[in-house]
């Protein structure tokens, strides 16, 4: 299992909408995430900075990266684009974090 962590940024006035959209996450997106090896996926919000911290466990980097090309993922990015900082392809701007400590 590969542990991944990264940060993103939601716009300050979009916290509630961001949370609501994740409460109502599309079942087909959850299926795609699982199909691409994602397990134990969480996103946390620091309201004081609007920073999102995401943690996911994946089986394989290549399989995980292929998720970005799926139709449902592309649709989700377009759906979320008004709420957060994004790249020109609507993907969220992310900063990957390096693991420095882990305890089971």
N, C-alpha and C. Protein backbone atom coordinates (compact mmCIF):
# COMPACT_ATOMS: atom_id res chain seq x y z
N UNK A 1 0.85 -1.18 0.00
CA UNK A 1 0.00 0.00 0.00
C UNK A 1 0.89 1.24 0.00
N UNK A 2 0.55 2.18 -0.84
CA UNK A 2 1.26 3.46 -0.94
C UNK A 2 0.39 4.53 -0.28
N UNK A 3 0.97 5.27 0.65
CA UNK A 3 0.26 6.36 1.30
C UNK A 3 0.60 7.66 0.59
N UNK A 4 -0.43 8.42 0.22
CA UNK A 4 -0.23 9.71 -0.45
C UNK A 4 -0.92 10.79 0.36
N UNK A 5 -0.30 11.94 0.43
CA UNK A 5 -0.90 13.11 1.07
C UNK A 5 -0.60 14.32 0.20
N UNK A 6 -1.57 15.22 0.14
CA UNK A 6 -1.37 16.43 -0.65
C UNK A 6 -2.30 17.53 -0.12
N UNK A 7 -1.97 18.75 -0.47
CA UNK A 7 -2.79 19.89 -0.07
C UNK A 7 -3.36 20.57 -1.30
N UNK A 8 -4.52 21.18 -1.10
CA UNK A 8 -5.21 21.95 -2.14
C UNK A 8 -5.81 23.17 -1.44
N UNK A 9 -6.42 24.04 -2.20
CA UNK A 9 -7.01 25.23 -1.58
C UNK A 9 -8.41 25.48 -2.13
N UNK A 10 -9.36 25.61 -1.23
CA UNK A 10 -10.73 25.95 -1.56
C UNK A 10 -10.90 27.45 -1.32
N UNK A 11 -11.73 28.09 -2.12
CA UNK A 11 -11.95 29.52 -1.92
C UNK A 11 -12.65 29.76 -0.58
N UNK A 12 -12.28 30.83 0.13
CA UNK A 12 -12.82 31.07 1.47
C UNK A 12 -14.34 31.11 1.55
N UNK A 13 -14.99 31.60 0.52
CA UNK A 13 -16.45 31.69 0.56
C UNK A 13 -17.14 30.43 0.02
N UNK A 14 -16.37 29.37 -0.22
CA UNK A 14 -16.92 28.15 -0.82
C UNK A 14 -16.79 26.93 0.09
N UNK A 15 -16.43 27.12 1.34
CA UNK A 15 -16.23 25.98 2.25
C UNK A 15 -17.48 25.09 2.34
N UNK A 16 -18.62 25.71 2.60
CA UNK A 16 -19.85 24.93 2.79
C UNK A 16 -20.24 24.18 1.51
N UNK A 17 -20.12 24.85 0.39
CA UNK A 17 -20.48 24.21 -0.87
C UNK A 17 -19.53 23.05 -1.19
N UNK A 18 -18.24 23.25 -0.91
CA UNK A 18 -17.26 22.18 -1.12
C UNK A 18 -17.62 20.96 -0.27
N UNK A 19 -17.92 21.19 0.99
CA UNK A 19 -18.30 20.08 1.88
C UNK A 19 -19.59 19.41 1.42
N UNK A 20 -20.56 20.20 1.02
CA UNK A 20 -21.83 19.63 0.56
C UNK A 20 -21.64 18.74 -0.67
N UNK A 21 -20.86 19.21 -1.61
CA UNK A 21 -20.64 18.41 -2.82
C UNK A 21 -19.94 17.09 -2.49
N UNK A 22 -19.09 17.09 -1.48
CA UNK A 22 -18.44 15.83 -1.09
C UNK A 22 -19.38 14.93 -0.28
N UNK A 23 -20.30 15.52 0.46
CA UNK A 23 -21.32 14.69 1.13
C UNK A 23 -22.19 13.99 0.10
N UNK A 24 -22.39 14.64 -1.03
CA UNK A 24 -23.23 14.10 -2.10
C UNK A 24 -22.38 13.54 -3.25
N UNK A 25 -21.19 13.05 -2.95
CA UNK A 25 -20.29 12.57 -3.99
C UNK A 25 -20.99 11.54 -4.88
N UNK A 26 -20.71 11.60 -6.14
CA UNK A 26 -21.36 10.73 -7.11
C UNK A 26 -20.91 9.28 -6.91
N UNK A 27 -21.84 8.35 -6.86
CA UNK A 27 -21.47 6.94 -6.72
C UNK A 27 -20.53 6.46 -7.82
N UNK A 28 -20.70 6.96 -9.03
CA UNK A 28 -19.82 6.54 -10.13
C UNK A 28 -18.39 7.05 -9.93
N UNK A 29 -18.22 8.17 -9.23
CA UNK A 29 -16.87 8.64 -8.92
C UNK A 29 -16.24 7.75 -7.85
N UNK A 30 -17.01 7.38 -6.86
CA UNK A 30 -16.50 6.48 -5.83
C UNK A 30 -16.08 5.15 -6.46
N UNK A 31 -16.89 4.65 -7.39
CA UNK A 31 -16.55 3.41 -8.09
C UNK A 31 -15.24 3.57 -8.86
N UNK A 32 -15.07 4.70 -9.55
CA UNK A 32 -13.84 4.95 -10.31
C UNK A 32 -12.64 5.05 -9.37
N UNK A 33 -12.80 5.72 -8.24
CA UNK A 33 -11.71 5.83 -7.28
C UNK A 33 -11.28 4.43 -6.82
N UNK A 34 -12.25 3.62 -6.45
CA UNK A 34 -11.94 2.26 -5.99
C UNK A 34 -11.30 1.43 -7.10
N UNK A 35 -11.84 1.57 -8.31
CA UNK A 35 -11.31 0.83 -9.45
C UNK A 35 -9.84 1.20 -9.72
N UNK A 36 -9.48 2.43 -9.40
CA UNK A 36 -8.11 2.90 -9.61
C UNK A 36 -7.25 2.76 -8.35
N UNK A 37 -7.71 1.93 -7.43
CA UNK A 37 -6.88 1.53 -6.30
C UNK A 37 -6.94 2.41 -5.07
N UNK A 38 -7.86 3.37 -5.01
CA UNK A 38 -7.94 4.26 -3.85
C UNK A 38 -8.68 3.59 -2.70
N UNK A 39 -8.09 3.70 -1.53
CA UNK A 39 -8.71 3.21 -0.29
C UNK A 39 -8.41 4.23 0.80
N UNK A 40 -9.24 4.22 1.83
CA UNK A 40 -8.98 5.06 3.00
C UNK A 40 -8.68 6.50 2.59
N UNK A 41 -9.59 7.11 1.84
CA UNK A 41 -9.41 8.45 1.29
C UNK A 41 -10.15 9.45 2.19
N UNK A 42 -9.44 10.46 2.65
CA UNK A 42 -10.02 11.51 3.48
C UNK A 42 -9.52 12.87 3.02
N UNK A 43 -10.38 13.87 3.17
CA UNK A 43 -9.99 15.27 2.92
C UNK A 43 -10.41 16.07 4.14
N UNK A 44 -9.49 16.88 4.65
CA UNK A 44 -9.73 17.71 5.82
C UNK A 44 -9.60 19.18 5.42
N UNK A 45 -10.39 20.03 6.05
CA UNK A 45 -10.35 21.47 5.78
C UNK A 45 -9.86 22.22 7.00
N UNK A 46 -8.90 23.12 6.79
CA UNK A 46 -8.51 24.08 7.82
C UNK A 46 -9.24 25.38 7.46
N UNK A 47 -10.35 25.68 8.14
CA UNK A 47 -11.14 26.86 7.77
C UNK A 47 -10.37 28.18 7.89
N UNK A 48 -9.39 28.24 8.76
CA UNK A 48 -8.68 29.50 8.96
C UNK A 48 -7.78 29.85 7.77
N UNK A 49 -7.37 28.85 6.99
CA UNK A 49 -6.49 29.10 5.85
C UNK A 49 -7.12 28.68 4.52
N UNK A 50 -8.26 28.01 4.57
CA UNK A 50 -8.92 27.44 3.39
C UNK A 50 -8.11 26.33 2.73
N UNK A 51 -7.16 25.80 3.46
CA UNK A 51 -6.34 24.71 2.93
C UNK A 51 -7.03 23.38 3.17
N UNK A 52 -6.95 22.53 2.16
CA UNK A 52 -7.46 21.17 2.23
C UNK A 52 -6.27 20.22 2.34
N UNK A 53 -6.37 19.28 3.25
CA UNK A 53 -5.35 18.24 3.39
C UNK A 53 -6.00 16.93 2.98
N UNK A 54 -5.44 16.26 2.00
CA UNK A 54 -6.00 15.00 1.51
C UNK A 54 -5.04 13.87 1.80
N UNK A 55 -5.60 12.73 2.17
CA UNK A 55 -4.83 11.51 2.42
C UNK A 55 -5.54 10.36 1.73
N UNK A 56 -4.79 9.57 0.99
CA UNK A 56 -5.36 8.41 0.32
C UNK A 56 -4.31 7.30 0.28
N UNK A 57 -4.79 6.09 0.38
CA UNK A 57 -3.92 4.93 0.21
C UNK A 57 -4.24 4.33 -1.15
N UNK A 58 -3.19 4.06 -1.92
CA UNK A 58 -3.38 3.53 -3.27
C UNK A 58 -2.57 2.24 -3.42
N UNK A 59 -2.92 1.48 -4.43
CA UNK A 59 -2.23 0.23 -4.69
C UNK A 59 -1.04 0.42 -5.62
N UNK A 60 -1.18 1.37 -6.58
CA UNK A 60 -0.18 1.50 -7.63
C UNK A 60 -0.23 2.92 -8.19
N UNK A 61 0.92 3.56 -8.31
CA UNK A 61 0.98 4.95 -8.80
C UNK A 61 0.42 5.07 -10.22
N UNK A 62 0.80 4.16 -11.10
CA UNK A 62 0.37 4.24 -12.50
C UNK A 62 -1.15 4.13 -12.60
N UNK A 63 -1.73 3.19 -11.88
CA UNK A 63 -3.18 3.02 -11.90
C UNK A 63 -3.87 4.25 -11.34
N UNK A 64 -3.35 4.80 -10.24
CA UNK A 64 -3.90 6.01 -9.64
C UNK A 64 -3.86 7.18 -10.63
N UNK A 65 -2.76 7.34 -11.33
CA UNK A 65 -2.61 8.44 -12.28
C UNK A 65 -3.59 8.32 -13.45
N UNK A 66 -3.98 7.10 -13.81
CA UNK A 66 -4.93 6.89 -14.90
C UNK A 66 -6.33 7.41 -14.57
N UNK A 67 -6.64 7.53 -13.29
CA UNK A 67 -7.93 8.06 -12.86
C UNK A 67 -8.19 9.44 -13.48
N UNK A 68 -7.16 10.25 -13.58
CA UNK A 68 -7.30 11.62 -14.08
C UNK A 68 -7.88 11.66 -15.49
N UNK A 69 -7.70 10.60 -16.27
CA UNK A 69 -8.16 10.58 -17.65
C UNK A 69 -9.58 10.06 -17.81
N UNK A 70 -10.19 9.59 -16.73
CA UNK A 70 -11.54 9.03 -16.85
C UNK A 70 -12.57 10.14 -17.05
N UNK A 71 -13.64 9.80 -17.73
CA UNK A 71 -14.69 10.77 -18.00
C UNK A 71 -15.31 11.31 -16.71
N UNK A 72 -15.57 10.42 -15.75
CA UNK A 72 -16.20 10.86 -14.51
C UNK A 72 -15.29 11.79 -13.71
N UNK A 73 -14.00 11.53 -13.72
CA UNK A 73 -13.06 12.39 -13.00
C UNK A 73 -12.97 13.76 -13.67
N UNK A 74 -12.92 13.78 -14.99
CA UNK A 74 -12.89 15.05 -15.73
C UNK A 74 -14.17 15.86 -15.45
N UNK A 75 -15.29 15.17 -15.40
CA UNK A 75 -16.57 15.82 -15.09
C UNK A 75 -16.56 16.40 -13.68
N UNK A 76 -16.02 15.63 -12.71
CA UNK A 76 -15.92 16.11 -11.33
C UNK A 76 -15.05 17.34 -11.25
N UNK A 77 -13.93 17.34 -11.93
CA UNK A 77 -13.05 18.51 -11.91
C UNK A 77 -13.79 19.75 -12.42
N UNK A 78 -14.54 19.60 -13.51
CA UNK A 78 -15.30 20.74 -14.04
C UNK A 78 -16.34 21.20 -13.02
N UNK A 79 -16.96 20.28 -12.33
CA UNK A 79 -17.98 20.55 -11.32
C UNK A 79 -17.40 21.31 -10.13
N UNK A 80 -16.17 20.97 -9.75
CA UNK A 80 -15.53 21.57 -8.58
C UNK A 80 -14.72 22.82 -8.90
N UNK A 81 -14.44 23.07 -10.15
CA UNK A 81 -13.58 24.18 -10.56
C UNK A 81 -14.00 25.53 -10.00
N UNK A 82 -15.28 25.86 -9.90
CA UNK A 82 -15.65 27.18 -9.36
C UNK A 82 -15.35 27.33 -7.86
N UNK A 83 -15.03 26.24 -7.19
CA UNK A 83 -14.88 26.28 -5.73
C UNK A 83 -13.45 26.34 -5.24
N UNK A 84 -12.49 26.07 -6.12
CA UNK A 84 -11.12 25.92 -5.63
C UNK A 84 -10.09 26.32 -6.68
N UNK A 85 -8.87 26.46 -6.24
CA UNK A 85 -7.79 26.79 -7.16
C UNK A 85 -7.56 25.60 -8.08
N UNK A 86 -7.52 25.88 -9.40
CA UNK A 86 -7.38 24.81 -10.39
C UNK A 86 -6.34 25.17 -11.45
N UNK A 87 -5.92 24.14 -12.14
CA UNK A 87 -5.03 24.28 -13.29
C UNK A 87 -5.87 24.52 -14.54
N UNK A 88 -5.21 24.76 -15.66
CA UNK A 88 -5.93 25.05 -16.91
C UNK A 88 -6.81 23.89 -17.38
N UNK A 89 -6.51 22.66 -16.94
CA UNK A 89 -7.34 21.50 -17.31
C UNK A 89 -8.44 21.22 -16.28
N UNK A 90 -8.66 22.16 -15.36
CA UNK A 90 -9.65 22.08 -14.28
C UNK A 90 -9.23 21.17 -13.13
N UNK A 91 -8.09 20.53 -13.22
CA UNK A 91 -7.62 19.72 -12.09
C UNK A 91 -7.26 20.63 -10.94
N UNK A 92 -7.46 20.17 -9.71
CA UNK A 92 -7.10 21.01 -8.57
C UNK A 92 -5.59 21.25 -8.51
N UNK A 93 -5.22 22.44 -8.14
CA UNK A 93 -3.80 22.70 -7.87
C UNK A 93 -3.46 21.91 -6.61
N UNK A 94 -2.50 21.02 -6.72
CA UNK A 94 -2.12 20.19 -5.57
C UNK A 94 -0.63 20.30 -5.32
N UNK A 95 -0.28 20.18 -4.06
CA UNK A 95 1.12 20.08 -3.66
C UNK A 95 1.25 18.77 -2.92
N UNK A 96 2.04 17.86 -3.50
CA UNK A 96 2.25 16.57 -2.86
C UNK A 96 3.16 16.74 -1.64
N UNK A 97 2.85 16.00 -0.61
CA UNK A 97 3.63 16.05 0.63
C UNK A 97 4.46 14.78 0.76
N UNK A 98 5.65 14.93 1.28
CA UNK A 98 6.53 13.78 1.51
C UNK A 98 6.29 13.23 2.90
N UNK A 99 6.17 11.94 2.99
CA UNK A 99 6.00 11.29 4.29
C UNK A 99 7.31 11.34 5.06
N UNK A 100 7.25 11.82 6.28
CA UNK A 100 8.44 11.88 7.12
C UNK A 100 8.32 11.00 8.35
N UNK A 101 7.10 10.51 8.63
CA UNK A 101 6.90 9.63 9.77
C UNK A 101 5.62 8.85 9.57
N UNK A 102 5.65 7.59 9.98
CA UNK A 102 4.46 6.75 9.94
C UNK A 102 4.53 5.75 11.09
N UNK A 103 3.38 5.53 11.71
CA UNK A 103 3.29 4.52 12.77
C UNK A 103 2.01 3.73 12.56
N UNK A 104 2.13 2.42 12.53
CA UNK A 104 0.93 1.56 12.45
C UNK A 104 0.38 1.34 13.84
